[in-house]
C-alpha atoms as a PDB file:
ATOM      1  CA  MET A   1      15.893 -11.469  25.044  1.00  0.00           C
ATOM      2  CA  ARG A   2      15.286 -13.790  27.976  1.00  0.00           C
ATOM      3  CA  THR A   3      12.039 -15.138  27.808  1.00  0.00           C
ATOM      4  CA  ALA A   4       9.772 -16.948  25.271  1.00  0.00           C
ATOM      5  CA  PHE A   5       6.654 -15.559  23.408  1.00  0.00           C
ATOM      6  CA  THR A   6       3.613 -16.083  21.871  1.00  0.00           C
ATOM      7  CA  TRP A   7       2.295 -15.497  18.439  1.00  0.00           C
ATOM      8  CA  ASP A   8      -0.318 -13.069  19.835  1.00  0.00           C
ATOM      9  CA  ASP A   9       3.014 -11.432  21.087  1.00  0.00           C
ATOM     10  CA  LEU A  10       4.304 -11.306  17.437  1.00  0.00           C
ATOM     11  CA  HIS A  11       0.926 -10.093  15.833  1.00  0.00           C
ATOM     12  CA  LEU A  12       0.898  -7.346  18.036  1.00  0.00           C
ATOM     13  CA  VAL A  13       4.296  -6.223  16.880  1.00  0.00           C
ATOM     14  CA  LEU A  14       3.373  -7.131  13.272  1.00  0.00           C
ATOM     15  CA  MET A  15       0.664  -4.906  13.545  1.00  0.00           C
ATOM     16  CA  LEU A  16       2.471  -1.792  15.319  1.00  0.00           C
ATOM     17  CA  ALA A  17       5.163  -1.789  12.786  1.00  0.00           C
ATOM     18  CA  ARG A  18       2.928  -1.973  10.144  1.00  0.00           C
ATOM     19  CA  GLY A  19       0.302   0.534  11.390  1.00  0.00           C
ATOM     20  CA  ARG A  20       2.725   2.879  13.118  1.00  0.00           C
ATOM     21  CA  THR A  21       0.425   4.204  15.657  1.00  0.00           C
ATOM     22  CA  LEU A  22      -1.772   2.901  18.556  1.00  0.00           C
ATOM     23  CA  ALA A  23      -4.944   3.628  16.784  1.00  0.00           C
ATOM     24  CA  ALA A  24      -3.887   1.942  13.740  1.00  0.00           C
ATOM     25  CA  ALA A  25      -2.781  -1.245  15.344  1.00  0.00           C
ATOM     26  CA  ALA A  26      -5.840  -1.665  17.605  1.00  0.00           C
ATOM     27  CA  ARG A  27      -8.232  -1.307  14.432  1.00  0.00           C
ATOM     28  CA  ARG A  28      -6.174  -4.083  13.162  1.00  0.00           C
ATOM     29  CA  LEU A  29      -6.186  -6.319  16.105  1.00  0.00           C
ATOM     30  CA  GLY A  30      -9.835  -5.541  17.392  1.00  0.00           C
ATOM     31  CA  VAL A  31      -8.665  -3.925  19.928  1.00  0.00           C
ATOM     32  CA  ASP A  32      -8.964  -0.518  21.563  1.00  0.00           C
ATOM     33  CA  ALA A  33      -5.223   1.729  22.105  1.00  0.00           C
ATOM     34  CA  SER A  34      -5.027   1.292  25.943  1.00  0.00           C
ATOM     35  CA  THR A  35      -4.694  -2.441  25.427  1.00  0.00           C
ATOM     36  CA  VAL A  36      -2.352  -2.279  22.402  1.00  0.00           C
ATOM     37  CA  HIS A  37      -0.298   0.153  25.057  1.00  0.00           C
ATOM     38  CA  ARG A  38      -0.643  -2.635  27.678  1.00  0.00           C
ATOM     39  CA  ARG A  39       0.268  -5.491  26.035  1.00  0.00           C
ATOM     40  CA  LEU A  40       3.029  -3.979  24.530  1.00  0.00           C
ATOM     41  CA  ALA A  41       4.555  -2.469  27.706  1.00  0.00           C
ATOM     42  CA  GLY A  42       4.124  -5.852  28.869  1.00  0.00           C
ATOM     43  CA  LEU A  43       6.198  -7.700  26.259  1.00  0.00           C
ATOM     44  CA  GLU A  44       8.987  -5.178  26.975  1.00  0.00           C
ATOM     45  CA  GLN A  45       9.228  -6.022  30.263  1.00  0.00           C
ATOM     46  CA  ARG A  46       8.767  -9.788  29.999  1.00  0.00           C
ATOM     47  CA  LEU A  47      11.995  -9.149  27.554  1.00  0.00           C
ATOM     48  CA  GLY A  48      14.055  -6.854  29.171  1.00  0.00           C
ATOM     49  CA  ALA A  49      14.155  -4.614  25.841  1.00  0.00           C
ATOM     50  CA  SER A  50      12.395  -1.644  24.311  1.00  0.00           C
ATOM     51  CA  LEU A  51      10.816  -2.945  20.733  1.00  0.00           C
ATOM     52  CA  PHE A  52       9.775   0.705  19.625  1.00  0.00           C
ATOM     53  CA  GLU A  53      10.326   4.087  19.511  1.00  0.00           C
ATOM     54  CA  ARG A  54       7.983   6.646  19.045  1.00  0.00           C
ATOM     55  CA  GLY A  55       8.890   9.741  16.574  1.00  0.00           C
ATOM     56  CA  PRO A  56       7.085  12.087  14.036  1.00  0.00           C
ATOM     57  CA  ALA A  57       6.424   9.292  11.838  1.00  0.00           C
ATOM     58  CA  GLY A  58       5.162   6.982  14.683  1.00  0.00           C
ATOM     59  CA  TYR A  59       6.168   3.982  16.415  1.00  0.00           C
ATOM     60  CA  ARG A  60       9.646   2.515  14.630  1.00  0.00           C
ATOM     61  CA  PRO A  61      10.802  -0.795  15.617  1.00  0.00           C
ATOM     62  CA  THR A  62      14.338  -0.956  17.740  1.00  0.00           C
ATOM     63  CA  PRO A  63      17.147  -3.469  17.063  1.00  0.00           C
ATOM     64  CA  ALA A  64      15.257  -5.712  19.141  1.00  0.00           C
ATOM     65  CA  GLY A  65      12.086  -4.713  17.630  1.00  0.00           C
ATOM     66  CA  SER A  66      12.997  -5.644  14.096  1.00  0.00           C
ATOM     67  CA  GLU A  67      14.156  -9.016  15.109  1.00  0.00           C
ATOM     68  CA  LEU A  68      10.743 -10.152  16.522  1.00  0.00           C
ATOM     69  CA  LEU A  69       9.183  -8.314  13.313  1.00  0.00           C
ATOM     70  CA  ALA A  70      11.512 -10.624  11.593  1.00  0.00           C
ATOM     71  CA  ALA A  71      10.049 -13.088  13.191  1.00  0.00           C
ATOM     72  CA  ALA A  72       6.429 -11.974  12.597  1.00  0.00           C
ATOM     73  CA  GLU A  73       6.656 -11.841   8.969  1.00  0.00           C
ATOM     74  CA  GLY A  74       8.208 -15.089   8.277  1.00  0.00           C
ATOM     75  CA  MET A  75       4.939 -16.581  10.415  1.00  0.00           C
ATOM     76  CA  ALA A  76       2.355 -14.249   9.068  1.00  0.00           C
ATOM     77  CA  ASP A  77       4.048 -15.460   5.304  1.00  0.00           C
ATOM     78  CA  ALA A  78       4.178 -19.137   6.087  1.00  0.00           C
ATOM     79  CA  VAL A  79       0.555 -18.902   7.435  1.00  0.00           C
ATOM     80  CA  GLU A  80      -0.385 -17.254   3.941  1.00  0.00           C
ATOM     81  CA  ALA A  81       1.162 -19.913   2.232  1.00  0.00           C
ATOM     82  CA  LEU A  82      -0.660 -22.185   3.605  1.00  0.00           C
ATOM     83  CA  GLU A  83      -4.026 -21.100   3.034  1.00  0.00           C
ATOM     84  CA  GLU A  84      -3.133 -20.385  -0.565  1.00  0.00           C
ATOM     85  CA  ARG A  85      -2.596 -24.101  -0.780  1.00  0.00           C
ATOM     86  CA  ARG A  86      -5.648 -25.000   1.115  1.00  0.00           C
ATOM     87  CA  LEU A  87      -7.866 -22.514  -1.592  1.00  0.00           C
ATOM     88  CA  ARG A  88      -5.822 -24.289  -4.527  1.00  0.00           C
ATOM     89  CA  ARG A  89      -7.009 -27.384  -3.831  1.00  0.00           C
ATOM     90  CA  SER A  90     -10.470 -26.523  -2.936  1.00  0.00           C
ATOM     91  CA  SER A  91     -11.198 -24.347  -5.783  1.00  0.00           C
ATOM     92  CA  ALA A  92      -9.889 -26.090  -8.604  1.00  0.00           C
ATOM     93  CA  ARG A  93     -13.138 -25.028 -10.430  1.00  0.00           C
ATOM     94  CA  LEU A  94     -14.392 -21.262  -9.271  1.00  0.00           C
ATOM     95  CA  GLY A  95     -17.212 -19.391 -11.043  1.00  0.00           C
ATOM     96  CA  GLY A  96     -19.248 -16.247 -10.855  1.00  0.00           C
ATOM     97  CA  LEU A  97     -18.863 -12.416 -11.348  1.00  0.00           C
ATOM     98  CA  LEU A  98     -15.733 -10.817  -9.471  1.00  0.00           C
ATOM     99  CA  ARG A  99     -15.960  -7.085  -9.460  1.00  0.00           C
ATOM    100  CA  VAL A 100     -12.325  -5.314  -8.799  1.00  0.00           C
ATOM    101  CA  THR A 101     -11.345  -1.734  -8.261  1.00  0.00           C
ATOM    102  CA  ALA A 102      -7.967   0.407  -8.482  1.00  0.00           C
ATOM    103  CA  PRO A 103      -6.488   3.600  -9.872  1.00  0.00           C
ATOM    104  CA  ASP A 104      -5.011   3.653 -13.051  1.00  0.00           C
ATOM    105  CA  ASP A 105      -1.154   3.521 -12.552  1.00  0.00           C
ATOM    106  CA  MET A 106      -1.777   0.128 -10.351  1.00  0.00           C
ATOM    107  CA  VAL A 107      -3.847  -1.159 -12.561  1.00  0.00           C
ATOM    108  CA  ARG A 108      -1.324  -0.884 -15.661  1.00  0.00           C
ATOM    109  CA  ALA A 109       1.513  -1.955 -13.236  1.00  0.00           C
ATOM    110  CA  ILE A 110      -0.140  -4.709 -11.281  1.00  0.00           C
ATOM    111  CA  LEU A 111      -3.515  -5.561 -12.270  1.00  0.00           C
ATOM    112  CA  LEU A 112      -3.499  -6.518 -15.801  1.00  0.00           C
ATOM    113  CA  PRO A 113      -0.922  -9.590 -15.535  1.00  0.00           C
ATOM    114  CA  VAL A 114      -2.697 -10.680 -12.334  1.00  0.00           C
ATOM    115  CA  ILE A 115      -5.933 -10.540 -14.021  1.00  0.00           C
ATOM    116  CA  ALA A 116      -4.811 -12.610 -17.195  1.00  0.00           C
ATOM    117  CA  ALA A 117      -3.135 -15.087 -14.931  1.00  0.00           C
ATOM    118  CA  PHE A 118      -6.254 -15.456 -12.890  1.00  0.00           C
ATOM    119  CA  GLN A 119      -8.355 -15.916 -15.929  1.00  0.00           C
ATOM    120  CA  GLY A 120      -6.128 -18.564 -17.259  1.00  0.00           C
ATOM    121  CA  GLU A 121      -6.413 -20.379 -14.058  1.00  0.00           C
ATOM    122  CA  HIS A 122     -10.137 -19.963 -13.426  1.00  0.00           C
ATOM    123  CA  PRO A 123     -11.836 -19.017 -17.197  1.00  0.00           C
ATOM    124  CA  GLN A 124     -15.237 -19.478 -15.399  1.00  0.00           C
ATOM    125  CA  VAL A 125     -14.807 -16.064 -13.655  1.00  0.00           C
ATOM    126  CA  GLN A 126     -16.029 -12.883 -14.978  1.00  0.00           C
ATOM    127  CA  VAL A 127     -13.809 -10.204 -13.905  1.00  0.00           C
ATOM    128  CA  GLU A 128     -15.203  -7.253 -13.968  1.00  0.00           C
ATOM    129  CA  LEU A 129     -12.465  -4.169 -13.972  1.00  0.00           C
ATOM    130  CA  ALA A 130     -13.686  -0.550 -12.703  1.00  0.00           C
ATOM    131  CA  VAL A 131     -10.402   1.670 -13.096  1.00  0.00           C
ATOM    132  CA  ASP A 132     -10.984   4.516 -11.081  1.00  0.00           C
ATOM    133  CA  ASN A 133      -8.979   7.243  -9.335  1.00  0.00           C
ATOM    134  CA  ARG A 134     -11.928   7.657  -6.257  1.00  0.00           C
ATOM    135  CA  ALA A 135     -11.870   5.384  -3.569  1.00  0.00           C
ATOM    136  CA  LEU A 136     -15.312   3.251  -4.538  1.00  0.00           C
ATOM    137  CA  ASN A 137     -17.601   2.244  -1.539  1.00  0.00           C
ATOM    138  CA  LEU A 138     -16.780  -1.319  -1.097  1.00  0.00           C
ATOM    139  CA  SER A 139     -19.352  -1.387   1.942  1.00  0.00           C
ATOM    140  CA  ARG A 140     -22.119  -0.338  -0.679  1.00  0.00           C
ATOM    141  CA  ARG A 141     -21.111  -3.424  -2.985  1.00  0.00           C
ATOM    142  CA  GLU A 142     -19.460  -1.260  -5.548  1.00  0.00           C
ATOM    143  CA  ALA A 143     -16.977  -3.663  -6.207  1.00  0.00           C
ATOM    144  CA  ASP A 144     -15.714  -6.533  -4.150  1.00  0.00           C
ATOM    145  CA  VAL A 145     -12.075  -6.425  -4.022  1.00  0.00           C
ATOM    146  CA  ALA A 146      -9.925  -2.991  -3.982  1.00  0.00           C
ATOM    147  CA  LEU A 147      -6.238  -2.294  -4.553  1.00  0.00           C
ATOM    148  CA  ARG A 148      -5.760   0.801  -2.986  1.00  0.00           C
ATOM    149  CA  ALA A 149      -2.875   2.952  -1.410  1.00  0.00           C
ATOM    150  CA  THR A 150      -3.842   4.281   2.136  1.00  0.00           C
ATOM    151  CA  ARG A 151      -2.329   4.377   5.645  1.00  0.00           C
ATOM    152  CA  GLU A 152      -5.621   4.165   7.597  1.00  0.00           C
ATOM    153  CA  PRO A 153      -7.577   1.251   5.489  1.00  0.00           C
ATOM    154  CA  PRO A 154     -11.596   1.676   6.555  1.00  0.00           C
ATOM    155  CA  ALA A 155     -12.642  -0.486   9.772  1.00  0.00           C
ATOM    156  CA  GLN A 156     -15.335  -1.898   8.326  1.00  0.00           C
ATOM    157  CA  LEU A 157     -13.410  -3.888   5.593  1.00  0.00           C
ATOM    158  CA  THR A 158     -10.583  -6.819   5.709  1.00  0.00           C
ATOM    159  CA  GLY A 159      -7.571  -6.486   4.433  1.00  0.00           C
ATOM    160  CA  ARG A 160      -3.696  -7.652   3.956  1.00  0.00           C
ATOM    161  CA  ARG A 161      -1.083  -4.993   4.127  1.00  0.00           C
ATOM    162  CA  ALA A 162       0.627  -6.284   0.801  1.00  0.00           C
ATOM    163  CA  ALA A 163       3.736  -3.807   0.386  1.00  0.00           C
ATOM    164  CA  GLY A 164       4.868   0.024   1.369  1.00  0.00           C
ATOM    165  CA  LEU A 165       4.384   2.494  -0.973  1.00  0.00           C
ATOM    166  CA  ALA A 166       7.308   4.785  -1.770  1.00  0.00           C
ATOM    167  CA  SER A 167       7.004   8.498  -3.698  1.00  0.00           C
ATOM    168  CA  ALA A 168       9.478  11.417  -5.067  1.00  0.00           C
ATOM    169  CA  ALA A 169       9.644  13.852  -7.269  1.00  0.00           C
ATOM    170  CA  TYR A 170      10.322  13.676 -11.040  1.00  0.00           C
ATOM    171  CA  ALA A 171      11.074  15.724 -14.254  1.00  0.00           C
ATOM    172  CA  ALA A 172      11.935  14.889 -17.435  1.00  0.00           C
ATOM    173  CA  PRO A 173      16.031  15.369 -18.045  1.00  0.00           C
ATOM    174  CA  GLY A 174      15.975  18.983 -19.291  1.00  0.00           C
ATOM    175  CA  LEU A 175      14.212  20.237 -16.052  1.00  0.00           C
ATOM    176  CA  THR A 176      16.438  18.589 -13.368  1.00  0.00           C
ATOM    177  CA  ASP A 177      19.322  21.146 -13.349  1.00  0.00           C
ATOM    178  CA  ARG A 178      16.771  23.425 -11.632  1.00  0.00           C
ATOM    179  CA  ALA A 179      15.656  24.147  -8.011  1.00  0.00           C
ATOM    180  CA  LEU A 180      12.612  22.663  -7.430  1.00  0.00           C
ATOM    181  CA  ALA A 181      11.034  26.191  -6.703  1.00  0.00           C
ATOM    182  CA  ALA A 182      11.940  27.095  -9.831  1.00  0.00           C
ATOM    183  CA  LEU A 183      10.037  24.013 -11.783  1.00  0.00           C
ATOM    184  CA  PRO A 184       6.868  24.303 -13.186  1.00  0.00           C
ATOM    185  CA  TRP A 185       4.996  21.896 -11.298  1.00  0.00           C
ATOM    186  CA  ILE A 186       2.112  19.392 -11.854  1.00  0.00           C
ATOM    187  CA  ALA A 187      -1.018  18.576  -9.544  1.00  0.00           C
ATOM    188  CA  TRP A 188      -4.020  17.305  -8.670  1.00  0.00           C
ATOM    189  CA  HIS A 189      -7.302  18.769  -8.935  1.00  0.00           C
ATOM    190  CA  GLU A 190      -8.193  20.642  -5.804  1.00  0.00           C
ATOM    191  CA  GLU A 191      -9.966  18.278  -3.579  1.00  0.00           C
ATOM    192  CA  SER A 192      -8.843  15.033  -5.447  1.00  0.00           C
ATOM    193  CA  GLY A 193      -5.700  13.012  -5.301  1.00  0.00           C
ATOM    194  CA  PRO A 194      -3.471  11.656  -2.447  1.00  0.00           C
ATOM    195  CA  ALA A 195      -3.880  14.355   0.378  1.00  0.00           C
ATOM    196  CA  ALA A 196       0.330  14.149   1.226  1.00  0.00           C
ATOM    197  CA  TYR A 197       0.600  15.536  -2.157  1.00  0.00           C
ATOM    198  CA  ALA A 198      -0.982  18.222  -1.747  1.00  0.00           C
ATOM    199  CA  ARG A 199       0.399  19.036   1.933  1.00  0.00           C
ATOM    200  CA  TRP A 200       4.041  18.713   0.553  1.00  0.00           C
ATOM    201  CA  LEU A 201       3.796  20.935  -2.436  1.00  0.00           C
ATOM    202  CA  GLU A 202       2.047  23.301  -0.045  1.00  0.00           C
ATOM    203  CA  ALA A 203       4.453  22.867   2.775  1.00  0.00           C
ATOM    204  CA  GLN A 204       7.177  23.775   0.094  1.00  0.00           C
ATOM    205  CA  GLY A 205       5.201  27.018  -1.157  1.00  0.00           C
ATOM    206  CA  LEU A 206       4.960  24.943  -4.487  1.00  0.00           C
ATOM    207  CA  ALA A 207       0.877  25.040  -4.411  1.00  0.00           C
ATOM    208  CA  ALA A 208      -0.207  28.443  -5.626  1.00  0.00           C
ATOM    209  CA  SER A 209      -0.329  27.611  -9.417  1.00  0.00           C
ATOM    210  CA  PRO A 210       0.874  24.998 -10.613  1.00  0.00           C
ATOM    211  CA  ALA A 211       1.549  24.332 -14.663  1.00  0.00           C
ATOM    212  CA  LEU A 212      -1.268  21.550 -14.954  1.00  0.00           C
ATOM    213  CA  ARG A 213      -3.844  20.334 -12.903  1.00  0.00           C
ATOM    214  CA  CYS A 214      -4.651  16.510 -13.648  1.00  0.00           C
ATOM    215  CA  GLY A 215      -6.818  13.664 -12.350  1.00  0.00           C
ATOM    216  CA  SER A 216      -4.808  10.598 -13.062  1.00  0.00           C
ATOM    217  CA  MET A 217      -1.574   9.689 -11.955  1.00  0.00           C
ATOM    218  CA  LEU A 218      -1.147   7.784 -15.303  1.00  0.00           C
ATOM    219  CA  LEU A 219      -1.206  11.001 -17.276  1.00  0.00           C
ATOM    220  CA  GLN A 220       0.718  12.893 -14.477  1.00  0.00           C
ATOM    221  CA  ALA A 221       3.346  10.901 -15.302  1.00  0.00           C
ATOM    222  CA  GLU A 222       3.050  11.112 -19.432  1.00  0.00           C
ATOM    223  CA  ALA A 223       3.041  15.073 -18.645  1.00  0.00           C
ATOM    224  CA  ALA A 224       6.223  15.079 -17.079  1.00  0.00           C
ATOM    225  CA  ALA A 225       7.739  13.172 -19.352  1.00  0.00           C
ATOM    226  CA  ALA A 226       6.760  15.612 -21.921  1.00  0.00           C
ATOM    227  CA  GLY A 227       8.658  18.437 -19.635  1.00  0.00           C
ATOM    228  CA  LEU A 228       5.088  20.044 -19.178  1.00  0.00           C
ATOM    229  CA  GLY A 229       6.573  20.120 -15.337  1.00  0.00           C
ATOM    230  CA  ALA A 230       7.927  17.872 -12.164  1.00  0.00           C
ATOM    231  CA  ALA A 231       5.622  15.654 -10.741  1.00  0.00           C
ATOM    232  CA  LEU A 232       4.966  13.738  -7.048  1.00  0.00           C
ATOM    233  CA  LEU A 233       4.578  10.174  -8.106  1.00  0.00           C
ATOM    234  CA  PRO A 234       5.137   6.790  -6.717  1.00  0.00           C
ATOM    235  CA  CYS A 235       8.126   5.247  -7.230  1.00  0.00           C
ATOM    236  CA  PHE A 236       7.033   2.203  -9.026  1.00  0.00           C
ATOM    237  CA  LEU A 237       5.263   4.931 -11.595  1.00  0.00           C
ATOM    238  CA  GLY A 238       7.845   7.190 -12.476  1.00  0.00           C
ATOM    239  CA  ASP A 239      11.234   4.748 -11.893  1.00  0.00           C
ATOM    240  CA  GLY A 240       9.480   3.022 -14.487  1.00  0.00           C
ATOM    241  CA  GLN A 241       8.686   6.021 -17.049  1.00  0.00           C
ATOM    242  CA  PRO A 242      10.749   6.437 -19.760  1.00  0.00           C
ATOM    243  CA  GLY A 243      11.568  10.203 -19.749  1.00  0.00           C
ATOM    244  CA  LEU A 244      11.686  10.797 -16.048  1.00  0.00           C
ATOM    245  CA  ARG A 245      14.439  11.211 -13.379  1.00  0.00           C
ATOM    246  CA  ARG A 246      14.206  11.742  -9.913  1.00  0.00           C
ATOM    247  CA  LEU A 247      14.471  14.927  -8.866  1.00  0.00           C
ATOM    248  CA  THR A 248      14.470  13.657  -4.731  1.00  0.00           C
ATOM    249  CA  ALA A 249      15.081  10.640  -2.733  1.00  0.00           C
ATOM    250  CA  PRO A 250      11.413   8.733  -1.817  1.00  0.00           C
ATOM    251  CA  LEU A 251      10.409  11.596   0.535  1.00  0.00           C
ATOM    252  CA  PRO A 252       8.991  10.024   4.147  1.00  0.00           C
ATOM    253  CA  GLU A 253       5.973  12.540   4.090  1.00  0.00           C
ATOM    254  CA  LEU A 254       4.739  10.954   1.357  1.00  0.00           C
ATOM    255  CA  ALA A 255       5.160   7.253   2.302  1.00  0.00           C
ATOM    256  CA  SER A 256       2.049   5.049   2.474  1.00  0.00           C
ATOM    257  CA  GLU A 257       1.399   1.334   1.771  1.00  0.00           C
ATOM    258  CA  LEU A 258      -0.550  -0.528  -0.473  1.00  0.00           C
ATOM    259  CA  TRP A 259      -3.896  -2.741   0.497  1.00  0.00           C
ATOM    260  CA  LEU A 260      -5.518  -5.631  -0.913  1.00  0.00           C
ATOM    261  CA  LEU A 261      -9.186  -4.855   0.586  1.00  0.00           C
ATOM    262  CA  ALA A 262     -12.989  -6.731   0.710  1.00  0.00           C
ATOM    263  CA  PRO A 263     -16.147  -6.595   2.698  1.00  0.00           C
ATOM    264  CA  SER A 264     -16.259  -9.420   5.261  1.00  0.00           C
ATOM    265  CA  GLU A 265     -19.027 -10.785   3.834  1.00  0.00           C
ATOM    266  CA  VAL A 266     -17.282 -11.311   0.659  1.00  0.00           C
ATOM    267  CA  ARG A 267     -14.177 -12.261   1.408  1.00  0.00           C
ATOM    268  CA  ARG A 268     -14.368 -15.733   2.045  1.00  0.00           C
ATOM    269  CA  ARG A 269     -15.964 -16.769  -1.358  1.00  0.00           C
ATOM    270  CA  PRO A 270     -13.706 -18.916  -2.903  1.00  0.00           C
ATOM    271  CA  GLU A 271     -12.980 -16.853  -5.639  1.00  0.00           C
ATOM    272  CA  VAL A 272     -12.406 -13.713  -3.782  1.00  0.00           C
ATOM    273  CA  ARG A 273      -9.970 -15.350  -1.952  1.00  0.00           C
ATOM    274  CA  ALA A 274      -7.893 -16.499  -5.042  1.00  0.00           C
ATOM    275  CA  PHE A 275      -7.861 -13.392  -6.208  1.00  0.00           C
ATOM    276  CA  LEU A 276      -6.453 -12.202  -3.202  1.00  0.00           C
ATOM    277  CA  ASP A 277      -4.022 -14.498  -2.843  1.00  0.00           C
ATOM    278  CA  ARG A 278      -2.771 -14.251  -6.194  1.00  0.00           C
ATOM    279  CA  THR A 279      -2.720 -10.710  -6.289  1.00  0.00           C
ATOM    280  CA  PHE A 280      -0.763 -10.466  -3.215  1.00  0.00           C
ATOM    281  CA  ALA A 281       1.870 -12.773  -4.956  1.00  0.00           C
ATOM    282  CA  ALA A 282       2.589 -10.458  -7.392  1.00  0.00           C
ATOM    283  CA  VAL A 283       2.680  -7.704  -5.255  1.00  0.00           C
ATOM    284  CA  LYS A 284       4.638  -9.375  -2.715  1.00  0.00           C
ATOM    285  CA  ALA A 285       7.073  -9.750  -6.117  1.00  0.00           C
ATOM    286  CA  LEU A 286       7.173  -6.208  -6.519  1.00  0.00           C
ATOM    287  CA  ARG A 287       7.966  -5.027  -3.262  1.00  0.00           C
ATOM    288  CA  PRO A 288      11.714  -3.360  -4.380  1.00  0.00           C
ATOM    289  CA  ARG A 289      10.058  -1.246  -6.987  1.00  0.00           C
ATOM    290  CA  LEU A 290       6.805  -0.637  -5.140  1.00  0.00           C
ATOM    291  CA  GLU A 291       9.041   0.752  -2.374  1.00  0.00           C
ATOM    292  CA  GLY A 292      11.256   2.546  -3.932  1.00  0.00           C
ATOM    293  CA  ARG A 293      14.232   0.264  -3.409  1.00  0.00           C
ATOM    294  CA  VAL A 294      15.151  -0.081  -7.562  1.00  0.00           C
END
């Protein structure tokens, strides 16, 4: 690489690597897709290197792009650490009501320890937890903070990508010696649950008559462990569920991202920022599990 680059360049690389499409990167940068394309082309021309390859899964960093991406992530982490220290100094005593929402599996694996630690530090903040497998409408103030699995966070919300999310197929040990097509399967109720899960089951010819439909990821994991059938599960849940074994490696078609989201008008409230920062730190420590690397 033959020339210097700016934080704007690194931010562009970071947002495109996280969004994987020009449109997603544009939303995160607050510009249009043509601007992202033009800026990327200009950066690649200045550096004399290709930074991304475009494939079925979107834009993927090349070795040169990965080098810039590592620098961008390091700078982003440093900025977040500085902001966290500033907030700790400015919010020694926080109070008020904080409404948080997440699906049941993320509440158990991530949020309960976070809430316990947060309330230990800020006992005057009353946390109201909405455990809901639907995406509550934060713009209508159904919650202040959401922990959500998505590749496309709503444009009207501000947020931070905290980790990648991997998913795989799981079953009890007594079923792991059978072909996927010969297994009974556990699925979501129609028109609910992750759309990518439904598409994968459909593509594999496994969606016609599931052995069980269930509207809870936690209960699907428990049903699979009880031997009722195989299930598609996030790796952090399936790998940690006693009595389950992976039937597949993490499936690229099911890859998602974990985002911390809040409406822009409440994000700067001290208790909201403090909670987001503590949750981000907890998620960061769990990235190997969340991304299926453990």
